[in-house]
Amino acid sequence: MILNGEKSAGHIKPITVCIENMKPNVFQQLLQYIYSNSCDLISPGKCFSESEDFIRQCIESARRLDLELLCKELKKVEIVEDLVRMKRGETLRRPSPKRYNRKGFPELFDVTLKNQNGDSIRAHRCVLIARMEYFHSMLYANSWIEVVSSEKL
């Protein structure tokens, strides 16, 4: 794994991450799990046109990134006729909500939320988008005035 990025004048430039020997569609499933505590492969009934080998690739890649809970869940599913289904006798765990230290990595805050009283909270846009549909539609689509305005609304 190769990480590179630079910090200059208080701003962090985008970081490029190069993960060797991992297909993009595998990484997409892992990233979906990291952000939301779930992914398409552990959603029974989801249409998925990959082979059983794809699950094995995801397990191996999840293990490389120390995503052991995901590895355990992936071992419980199979793809049959392009549908994800549980293996006989298996059940998925109920995902518990992840707890984030909101003050962690303040140098990566990229959005400020303000209330009617003018109080503000700095936050991570990617966490807001991943965890709340409200912010997903607001921040990901970039169409709300709150996204493009730097003025107090």
N, C-alpha and C. Protein backbone atom coordinates (compact mmCIF):
# COMPACT_ATOMS: atom_id res chain seq x y z
N MET A 1 0.85 -1.16 0.00
CA MET A 1 0.00 0.00 0.00
C MET A 1 0.90 1.23 0.00
N ILE A 2 0.60 2.17 -0.86
CA ILE A 2 1.39 3.39 -0.96
C ILE A 2 0.48 4.58 -0.70
N LEU A 3 0.86 5.43 0.23
CA LEU A 3 0.12 6.65 0.52
C LEU A 3 1.02 7.83 0.19
N ASN A 4 0.48 8.83 -0.47
CA ASN A 4 1.25 10.04 -0.62
C ASN A 4 0.33 11.24 -0.61
N GLY A 5 0.79 12.30 -0.04
CA GLY A 5 0.04 13.54 0.07
C GLY A 5 0.92 14.54 0.78
N GLU A 6 0.66 15.78 0.59
CA GLU A 6 1.48 16.81 1.18
C GLU A 6 0.62 17.83 1.90
N LYS A 7 1.19 18.41 2.93
CA LYS A 7 0.50 19.46 3.67
C LYS A 7 1.29 20.74 3.44
N SER A 8 0.62 21.77 2.95
CA SER A 8 1.29 23.05 2.74
C SER A 8 0.35 24.18 3.12
N ALA A 9 0.88 25.15 3.81
CA ALA A 9 0.12 26.34 4.24
C ALA A 9 -1.18 25.96 4.94
N GLY A 10 -1.13 24.92 5.77
CA GLY A 10 -2.31 24.54 6.55
C GLY A 10 -3.35 23.74 5.79
N HIS A 11 -3.14 23.51 4.51
CA HIS A 11 -4.11 22.75 3.71
C HIS A 11 -3.50 21.40 3.34
N ILE A 12 -4.35 20.41 3.31
CA ILE A 12 -3.89 19.08 2.93
C ILE A 12 -4.30 18.84 1.48
N LYS A 13 -3.33 18.50 0.68
CA LYS A 13 -3.62 18.16 -0.71
C LYS A 13 -4.20 16.76 -0.73
N PRO A 14 -4.97 16.44 -1.77
CA PRO A 14 -5.54 15.09 -1.85
C PRO A 14 -4.46 14.02 -1.75
N ILE A 15 -4.82 12.94 -1.10
CA ILE A 15 -3.90 11.82 -0.90
C ILE A 15 -4.22 10.77 -1.96
N THR A 16 -3.20 10.23 -2.55
CA THR A 16 -3.36 9.13 -3.50
C THR A 16 -3.00 7.85 -2.79
N VAL A 17 -3.90 6.90 -2.83
CA VAL A 17 -3.66 5.60 -2.22
C VAL A 17 -3.59 4.57 -3.33
N CYS A 18 -2.52 3.84 -3.36
CA CYS A 18 -2.36 2.77 -4.36
C CYS A 18 -2.30 1.45 -3.60
N ILE A 19 -3.32 0.63 -3.79
CA ILE A 19 -3.37 -0.68 -3.14
C ILE A 19 -3.14 -1.72 -4.21
N GLU A 20 -2.03 -2.40 -4.11
CA GLU A 20 -1.65 -3.37 -5.13
C GLU A 20 -2.46 -4.65 -5.02
N ASN A 21 -2.70 -5.27 -6.16
CA ASN A 21 -3.37 -6.56 -6.25
C ASN A 21 -4.77 -6.57 -5.64
N MET A 22 -5.53 -5.50 -5.89
CA MET A 22 -6.92 -5.46 -5.43
C MET A 22 -7.76 -4.83 -6.54
N LYS A 23 -8.75 -5.56 -6.99
CA LYS A 23 -9.62 -5.07 -8.06
C LYS A 23 -10.51 -3.94 -7.54
N PRO A 24 -10.82 -2.97 -8.41
CA PRO A 24 -11.66 -1.84 -7.98
C PRO A 24 -13.01 -2.26 -7.42
N ASN A 25 -13.67 -3.27 -8.02
CA ASN A 25 -14.98 -3.68 -7.51
C ASN A 25 -14.88 -4.35 -6.14
N VAL A 26 -13.74 -4.95 -5.85
CA VAL A 26 -13.51 -5.52 -4.51
C VAL A 26 -13.31 -4.37 -3.52
N PHE A 27 -12.47 -3.41 -3.89
CA PHE A 27 -12.22 -2.28 -3.00
C PHE A 27 -13.50 -1.48 -2.75
N GLN A 28 -14.36 -1.39 -3.75
CA GLN A 28 -15.63 -0.69 -3.59
C GLN A 28 -16.47 -1.33 -2.48
N GLN A 29 -16.51 -2.67 -2.44
CA GLN A 29 -17.26 -3.35 -1.39
C GLN A 29 -16.64 -3.09 -0.01
N LEU A 30 -15.31 -3.12 0.07
CA LEU A 30 -14.63 -2.88 1.34
C LEU A 30 -14.86 -1.44 1.81
N LEU A 31 -14.77 -0.50 0.90
CA LEU A 31 -14.97 0.90 1.26
C LEU A 31 -16.41 1.15 1.70
N GLN A 32 -17.35 0.52 1.01
CA GLN A 32 -18.75 0.63 1.40
C GLN A 32 -18.93 0.12 2.83
N TYR A 33 -18.28 -0.97 3.16
CA TYR A 33 -18.36 -1.53 4.52
C TYR A 33 -17.71 -0.59 5.54
N ILE A 34 -16.55 -0.05 5.19
CA ILE A 34 -15.86 0.86 6.11
C ILE A 34 -16.73 2.07 6.44
N TYR A 35 -17.37 2.63 5.42
CA TYR A 35 -18.20 3.81 5.64
C TYR A 35 -19.52 3.52 6.33
N SER A 36 -20.15 2.38 6.01
CA SER A 36 -21.52 2.19 6.46
C SER A 36 -21.75 0.96 7.34
N ASN A 37 -20.71 0.17 7.59
CA ASN A 37 -20.83 -1.04 8.39
C ASN A 37 -21.65 -2.13 7.68
N SER A 38 -21.78 -1.99 6.36
CA SER A 38 -22.47 -2.98 5.55
C SER A 38 -21.94 -2.87 4.12
N CYS A 39 -22.27 -3.84 3.30
CA CYS A 39 -21.95 -3.76 1.87
C CYS A 39 -22.91 -4.67 1.12
N ASP A 40 -22.92 -4.54 -0.20
CA ASP A 40 -23.85 -5.32 -1.00
C ASP A 40 -23.68 -6.82 -0.82
N LEU A 41 -22.45 -7.26 -0.59
CA LEU A 41 -22.20 -8.69 -0.47
C LEU A 41 -22.74 -9.31 0.82
N ILE A 42 -23.04 -8.51 1.80
CA ILE A 42 -23.63 -9.07 3.02
C ILE A 42 -25.07 -8.58 3.17
N SER A 43 -25.72 -8.38 2.02
CA SER A 43 -27.12 -7.98 1.96
C SER A 43 -27.89 -9.04 1.19
N PRO A 44 -28.40 -10.07 1.89
CA PRO A 44 -29.13 -11.14 1.21
C PRO A 44 -30.26 -10.59 0.33
N GLY A 45 -30.37 -11.17 -0.87
CA GLY A 45 -31.38 -10.73 -1.82
C GLY A 45 -30.87 -9.71 -2.81
N LYS A 46 -29.71 -9.13 -2.54
CA LYS A 46 -29.12 -8.15 -3.45
C LYS A 46 -28.71 -8.85 -4.74
N CYS A 47 -29.01 -8.22 -5.86
CA CYS A 47 -28.60 -8.76 -7.15
C CYS A 47 -27.11 -8.50 -7.34
N PHE A 48 -26.37 -9.53 -7.67
CA PHE A 48 -24.92 -9.41 -7.76
C PHE A 48 -24.42 -10.34 -8.83
N SER A 49 -23.93 -9.81 -9.93
CA SER A 49 -23.53 -10.65 -11.06
C SER A 49 -22.03 -10.97 -11.04
N GLU A 50 -21.53 -11.35 -9.90
CA GLU A 50 -20.13 -11.77 -9.77
C GLU A 50 -20.12 -13.26 -9.44
N SER A 51 -18.96 -13.85 -9.53
CA SER A 51 -18.83 -15.27 -9.24
C SER A 51 -18.57 -15.49 -7.75
N GLU A 52 -18.66 -16.76 -7.36
CA GLU A 52 -18.35 -17.13 -5.98
C GLU A 52 -16.91 -16.77 -5.65
N ASP A 53 -16.04 -16.76 -6.66
CA ASP A 53 -14.64 -16.39 -6.48
C ASP A 53 -14.52 -14.94 -6.02
N PHE A 54 -15.49 -14.10 -6.39
CA PHE A 54 -15.48 -12.69 -5.97
C PHE A 54 -15.56 -12.58 -4.45
N ILE A 55 -16.36 -13.42 -3.82
CA ILE A 55 -16.46 -13.41 -2.36
C ILE A 55 -15.10 -13.77 -1.76
N ARG A 56 -14.44 -14.77 -2.31
CA ARG A 56 -13.12 -15.17 -1.83
C ARG A 56 -12.12 -14.01 -1.96
N GLN A 57 -12.16 -13.31 -3.10
CA GLN A 57 -11.27 -12.16 -3.30
C GLN A 57 -11.56 -11.07 -2.26
N CYS A 58 -12.82 -10.85 -1.96
CA CYS A 58 -13.20 -9.84 -0.96
C CYS A 58 -12.72 -10.25 0.43
N ILE A 59 -12.83 -11.52 0.75
CA ILE A 59 -12.37 -12.01 2.05
C ILE A 59 -10.86 -11.80 2.18
N GLU A 60 -10.12 -12.19 1.15
CA GLU A 60 -8.67 -12.03 1.19
C GLU A 60 -8.28 -10.55 1.32
N SER A 61 -8.94 -9.69 0.57
CA SER A 61 -8.63 -8.26 0.62
C SER A 61 -9.05 -7.64 1.95
N ALA A 62 -10.17 -8.06 2.49
CA ALA A 62 -10.62 -7.57 3.80
C ALA A 62 -9.62 -7.97 4.88
N ARG A 63 -9.10 -9.17 4.78
CA ARG A 63 -8.09 -9.64 5.74
C ARG A 63 -6.83 -8.77 5.64
N ARG A 64 -6.41 -8.42 4.43
CA ARG A 64 -5.24 -7.56 4.24
C ARG A 64 -5.42 -6.19 4.91
N LEU A 65 -6.67 -5.71 4.96
CA LEU A 65 -6.94 -4.40 5.56
C LEU A 65 -7.44 -4.52 7.00
N ASP A 66 -7.27 -5.69 7.60
CA ASP A 66 -7.68 -5.94 8.99
C ASP A 66 -9.17 -5.71 9.23
N LEU A 67 -10.00 -6.09 8.28
CA LEU A 67 -11.44 -6.00 8.44
C LEU A 67 -11.99 -7.38 8.79
N GLU A 68 -11.60 -7.86 9.97
CA GLU A 68 -11.92 -9.23 10.37
C GLU A 68 -13.42 -9.47 10.52
N LEU A 69 -14.18 -8.50 11.00
CA LEU A 69 -15.63 -8.69 11.12
C LEU A 69 -16.26 -8.88 9.74
N LEU A 70 -15.78 -8.14 8.77
CA LEU A 70 -16.29 -8.31 7.41
C LEU A 70 -15.92 -9.70 6.89
N CYS A 71 -14.72 -10.16 7.15
CA CYS A 71 -14.32 -11.51 6.73
C CYS A 71 -15.29 -12.55 7.27
N LYS A 72 -15.62 -12.45 8.54
CA LYS A 72 -16.53 -13.41 9.16
C LYS A 72 -17.90 -13.39 8.49
N GLU A 73 -18.40 -12.19 8.17
CA GLU A 73 -19.72 -12.06 7.55
C GLU A 73 -19.70 -12.59 6.12
N LEU A 74 -18.63 -12.31 5.39
CA LEU A 74 -18.53 -12.77 4.00
C LEU A 74 -18.49 -14.29 3.90
N LYS A 75 -17.96 -14.95 4.92
CA LYS A 75 -17.91 -16.42 4.92
C LYS A 75 -19.30 -17.04 5.08
N LYS A 76 -20.28 -16.24 5.46
CA LYS A 76 -21.64 -16.73 5.70
C LYS A 76 -22.55 -16.62 4.47
N VAL A 77 -22.05 -15.97 3.39
CA VAL A 77 -22.90 -15.74 2.22
C VAL A 77 -22.35 -16.45 0.99
N GLU A 78 -23.23 -16.58 -0.01
CA GLU A 78 -22.85 -17.14 -1.29
C GLU A 78 -23.67 -16.43 -2.37
N ILE A 79 -23.19 -16.51 -3.60
CA ILE A 79 -23.93 -15.95 -4.73
C ILE A 79 -24.51 -17.10 -5.53
N VAL A 80 -25.82 -17.11 -5.63
CA VAL A 80 -26.51 -18.17 -6.36
C VAL A 80 -27.48 -17.51 -7.33
N GLU A 81 -27.32 -17.82 -8.61
CA GLU A 81 -28.17 -17.24 -9.66
C GLU A 81 -28.21 -15.73 -9.56
N ASP A 82 -27.04 -15.11 -9.40
CA ASP A 82 -26.86 -13.65 -9.34
C ASP A 82 -27.53 -12.99 -8.14
N LEU A 83 -27.82 -13.76 -7.09
CA LEU A 83 -28.38 -13.19 -5.86
C LEU A 83 -27.51 -13.58 -4.67
N VAL A 84 -27.33 -12.63 -3.78
CA VAL A 84 -26.61 -12.93 -2.54
C VAL A 84 -27.59 -13.65 -1.62
N ARG A 85 -27.13 -14.76 -1.03
CA ARG A 85 -27.99 -15.47 -0.07
C ARG A 85 -27.13 -16.03 1.05
N MET A 86 -27.77 -16.29 2.15
CA MET A 86 -27.10 -16.86 3.32
C MET A 86 -26.84 -18.35 3.07
N LYS A 87 -25.70 -18.81 3.54
CA LYS A 87 -25.45 -20.24 3.52
C LYS A 87 -26.35 -20.90 4.55
N ARG A 88 -26.69 -22.13 4.34
CA ARG A 88 -27.60 -22.85 5.23
C ARG A 88 -27.08 -22.82 6.67
N GLY A 89 -27.97 -22.43 7.58
CA GLY A 89 -27.64 -22.42 9.00
C GLY A 89 -26.89 -21.17 9.48
N GLU A 90 -26.62 -20.24 8.59
CA GLU A 90 -25.87 -19.03 8.97
C GLU A 90 -26.81 -17.85 9.18
N THR A 91 -26.41 -16.93 10.03
CA THR A 91 -27.13 -15.67 10.21
C THR A 91 -26.10 -14.54 10.29
N LEU A 92 -26.48 -13.39 9.77
CA LEU A 92 -25.60 -12.23 9.83
C LEU A 92 -25.78 -11.53 11.17
N ARG A 93 -24.71 -10.94 11.66
CA ARG A 93 -24.80 -10.17 12.89
C ARG A 93 -25.53 -8.86 12.59
N ARG A 94 -26.15 -8.31 13.59
CA ARG A 94 -26.77 -6.99 13.44
C ARG A 94 -25.67 -5.95 13.53
N PRO A 95 -25.54 -5.12 12.50
CA PRO A 95 -24.47 -4.12 12.57
C PRO A 95 -24.74 -3.12 13.69
N SER A 96 -23.74 -2.91 14.51
CA SER A 96 -23.87 -1.90 15.55
C SER A 96 -23.37 -0.59 14.99
N PRO A 97 -24.00 0.51 15.41
CA PRO A 97 -23.54 1.79 14.87
C PRO A 97 -22.11 2.07 15.30
N LYS A 98 -21.34 2.56 14.37
CA LYS A 98 -19.96 2.90 14.69
C LYS A 98 -19.95 4.20 15.46
N ARG A 99 -19.01 4.31 16.36
CA ARG A 99 -18.84 5.52 17.14
C ARG A 99 -17.56 6.20 16.68
N TYR A 100 -17.69 7.45 16.32
CA TYR A 100 -16.54 8.21 15.85
C TYR A 100 -16.13 9.23 16.88
N ASN A 101 -14.85 9.43 17.01
CA ASN A 101 -14.34 10.53 17.82
C ASN A 101 -14.39 11.75 16.92
N ARG A 102 -15.38 12.60 17.12
CA ARG A 102 -15.60 13.75 16.25
C ARG A 102 -14.41 14.68 16.21
N LYS A 103 -13.61 14.68 17.26
CA LYS A 103 -12.48 15.59 17.32
C LYS A 103 -11.22 14.99 16.69
N GLY A 104 -11.31 13.74 16.27
CA GLY A 104 -10.17 13.09 15.65
C GLY A 104 -9.86 13.67 14.28
N PHE A 105 -8.62 13.83 13.96
CA PHE A 105 -8.13 14.32 12.67
C PHE A 105 -8.73 15.67 12.27
N PRO A 106 -8.62 16.69 13.12
CA PRO A 106 -9.19 18.00 12.79
C PRO A 106 -8.60 18.60 11.51
N GLU A 107 -7.39 18.20 11.16
CA GLU A 107 -6.80 18.73 9.93
C GLU A 107 -7.52 18.24 8.67
N LEU A 108 -8.36 17.21 8.84
CA LEU A 108 -9.11 16.69 7.70
C LEU A 108 -10.55 17.19 7.64
N PHE A 109 -10.96 18.01 8.60
CA PHE A 109 -12.31 18.57 8.55
C PHE A 109 -12.45 19.35 7.25
N ASP A 110 -13.55 19.14 6.54
CA ASP A 110 -13.74 19.84 5.28
C ASP A 110 -15.14 20.46 5.14
N VAL A 111 -15.89 20.49 6.23
CA VAL A 111 -17.20 21.12 6.20
C VAL A 111 -17.48 21.72 7.57
N THR A 112 -18.20 22.83 7.59
CA THR A 112 -18.60 23.46 8.85
C THR A 112 -20.12 23.53 8.90
N LEU A 113 -20.68 23.02 9.98
CA LEU A 113 -22.13 23.06 10.19
C LEU A 113 -22.42 24.18 11.19
N LYS A 114 -23.41 25.00 10.86
CA LYS A 114 -23.79 26.10 11.76
C LYS A 114 -25.25 25.99 12.11
N ASN A 115 -25.57 26.34 13.38
CA ASN A 115 -26.97 26.34 13.78
C ASN A 115 -27.51 27.77 13.76
N GLN A 116 -28.77 27.94 14.15
CA GLN A 116 -29.41 29.25 14.11
C GLN A 116 -28.74 30.25 15.05
N ASN A 117 -28.11 29.77 16.10
CA ASN A 117 -27.45 30.66 17.06
C ASN A 117 -26.05 31.06 16.61
N GLY A 118 -25.59 30.54 15.48
CA GLY A 118 -24.27 30.86 14.98
C GLY A 118 -23.18 29.94 15.49
N ASP A 119 -23.55 28.94 16.32
CA ASP A 119 -22.56 27.97 16.78
C ASP A 119 -22.14 27.11 15.59
N SER A 120 -20.88 26.74 15.53
CA SER A 120 -20.43 25.93 14.40
C SER A 120 -19.69 24.69 14.89
N ILE A 121 -19.77 23.67 14.07
CA ILE A 121 -19.10 22.41 14.33
C ILE A 121 -18.39 22.03 13.03
N ARG A 122 -17.10 21.75 13.12
CA ARG A 122 -16.34 21.27 11.96
C ARG A 122 -16.52 19.75 11.89
N ALA A 123 -16.59 19.22 10.67
CA ALA A 123 -16.86 17.80 10.51
C ALA A 123 -16.19 17.27 9.24
N HIS A 124 -16.27 15.95 9.11
CA HIS A 124 -15.74 15.26 7.94
C HIS A 124 -16.90 15.01 6.97
N ARG A 125 -16.82 15.59 5.80
CA ARG A 125 -17.88 15.46 4.80
C ARG A 125 -18.15 13.99 4.46
N CYS A 126 -17.11 13.20 4.30
CA CYS A 126 -17.31 11.80 3.89
C CYS A 126 -18.09 11.02 4.95
N VAL A 127 -17.88 11.32 6.23
CA VAL A 127 -18.62 10.62 7.28
C VAL A 127 -20.08 11.05 7.26
N LEU A 128 -20.33 12.34 7.10
CA LEU A 128 -21.71 12.82 7.04
C LEU A 128 -22.46 12.20 5.86
N ILE A 129 -21.81 12.18 4.70
CA ILE A 129 -22.43 11.63 3.50
C ILE A 129 -22.70 10.13 3.66
N ALA A 130 -21.75 9.42 4.23
CA ALA A 130 -21.87 7.96 4.36
C ALA A 130 -22.92 7.55 5.39
N ARG A 131 -23.09 8.34 6.43
CA ARG A 131 -23.93 7.91 7.54
C ARG A 131 -25.33 8.50 7.57
N MET A 132 -25.59 9.57 6.80
CA MET A 132 -26.91 10.22 6.89
C MET A 132 -27.42 10.60 5.51
N GLU A 133 -28.59 10.09 5.16
CA GLU A 133 -29.20 10.37 3.87
C GLU A 133 -29.39 11.88 3.65
N TYR A 134 -29.74 12.60 4.71
CA TYR A 134 -29.93 14.05 4.62
C TYR A 134 -28.68 14.73 4.06
N PHE A 135 -27.52 14.41 4.63
CA PHE A 135 -26.29 15.02 4.17
C PHE A 135 -25.82 14.43 2.84
N HIS A 136 -26.16 13.18 2.58
CA HIS A 136 -25.82 12.59 1.29
C HIS A 136 -26.46 13.39 0.17
N SER A 137 -27.75 13.68 0.30
CA SER A 137 -28.43 14.42 -0.77
C SER A 137 -27.95 15.87 -0.82
N MET A 138 -27.58 16.43 0.31
CA MET A 138 -27.14 17.82 0.35
C MET A 138 -25.71 17.98 -0.15
N LEU A 139 -24.80 17.21 0.39
CA LEU A 139 -23.38 17.42 0.14
C LEU A 139 -22.85 16.67 -1.08
N TYR A 140 -23.40 15.51 -1.36
CA TYR A 140 -22.88 14.72 -2.46
C TYR A 140 -23.35 15.27 -3.80
N ALA A 141 -24.58 15.73 -3.85
CA ALA A 141 -25.13 16.25 -5.10
C ALA A 141 -24.62 17.66 -5.41
N ASN A 142 -24.10 18.36 -4.39
CA ASN A 142 -23.58 19.72 -4.55
C ASN A 142 -24.60 20.68 -5.15
N SER A 143 -25.88 20.42 -4.91
CA SER A 143 -26.89 21.27 -5.51
C SER A 143 -27.58 22.19 -4.50
N TRP A 144 -27.38 21.97 -3.22
CA TRP A 144 -28.02 22.81 -2.23
C TRP A 144 -27.22 24.09 -2.06
N ILE A 145 -27.91 25.17 -1.75
CA ILE A 145 -27.23 26.45 -1.57
C ILE A 145 -26.24 26.40 -0.42
N GLU A 146 -26.52 25.57 0.59
CA GLU A 146 -25.62 25.45 1.73
C GLU A 146 -24.24 24.94 1.32
N VAL A 147 -24.18 24.21 0.24
CA VAL A 147 -22.91 23.64 -0.21
C VAL A 147 -22.04 24.67 -0.89
N VAL A 148 -22.63 25.52 -1.68
CA VAL A 148 -21.85 26.48 -2.47
C VAL A 148 -21.74 27.85 -1.82
N SER A 149 -22.50 28.10 -0.79
CA SER A 149 -22.49 29.41 -0.15
C SER A 149 -21.47 29.48 0.98
N SER A 150 -20.73 30.53 1.03
CA SER A 150 -19.84 30.75 2.16
C SER A 150 -20.42 31.82 3.09
N GLU A 151 -21.61 32.27 2.76
CA GLU A 151 -22.30 33.28 3.57
C GLU A 151 -23.14 32.61 4.63
N LYS A 152 -23.39 33.36 5.69
CA LYS A 152 -24.28 32.87 6.74
C LYS A 152 -25.70 32.84 6.21
N LEU A 153 -26.37 31.71 6.30
CA LEU A 153 -27.73 31.58 5.78
C LEU A 153 -28.75 31.71 6.87
